[in-house]
Amino acid sequence: MRYLLLSDVHSNLEALYTCLELAAGKYDKAVCFGDLVGYGPNPNEVIAKIHNLCKVVIRGNHDKACCGIDDAKDFNPYARMATEWTRQALTPRNLAYLRGLPMGPAVMDGFIFVHGSPQDEDEYILGPAQALPLLRAPEAQIICFGHSHLQGGFMLTSSGRFQSIRIPATPDGLTLTTPLEDGARYLINPGSVGQPRDHDWRAGFAILDTGGKVVEYYRTPYNVAQTQAKMEKAGLPLPLYRRLELGR
């Protein structure tokens, strides 16, 4: 089975549609690791698309804040402003949809996926300090996660050696193929669809092939100027839409 892994769309409709165009015909089922909304200008349209597309969707921290489950007190001022704008923009139906999203972890076909971490949905997995305890735990060979907006991940080889999965600077499309070795353990981050923060502005996603035992990482350019124009028209903070062109 080939799974399309989507995370951190953040109301960026142009980025989402461009990812889906590139992924068309390459996967069997789609799943989403949360943060459908927040920051961007098209929360209702993104929710509608993800709801219809994805087999399983779990919530992210921005989903919780934008539907009122959390109060966004830990967000920076710009993120809080975007959260308030999103709350006002969401339809009653989509507010209810976000409130009903389950928290992770979710299990599918032998792999686990979460927004932040299996131990805490809001925790960032950024390096060995967070990754190693999870890689040494016996829960599953593969844990897929988002939240950090950093495409790649981490692995523990069958001999117990820790490695980071780093995405090289490559042309558009398929950027890296990572074989899933027997006896090794993996933390896989597909990257952010709508707001990458690894200094590559292109939208990111991944495909997990459980039968072929491989992960494919993808990056694709999208019409970032169109998204920025919508954000400016909506009155969203300037730093939020300027960062889209910088990938940080």
Foldseek 3Di string as FASTA:
>chain_A
DKEWEAEQQAQVPQLVVVVCVLCPPPGDFYEYAENQHFLFQHSAVSLVVCVVGHPAYAYAPLLCCLLPVDVCPVPDPLRNVRSVLSVVVDDPVVSVVSVPGHADFDDDPQETEHADDRVDNQHHDDDCVPPVVVQPDPRGQEYEYENVLAFWWWKQALVGDIDTGHFDPDDFFWGDKAAADPNMGIYGYQGHSHAHQPQDLFGKIWMQDPVRRMITIGTDHGPLVVRLVSCVVSVRDPVSSVNSVGRD
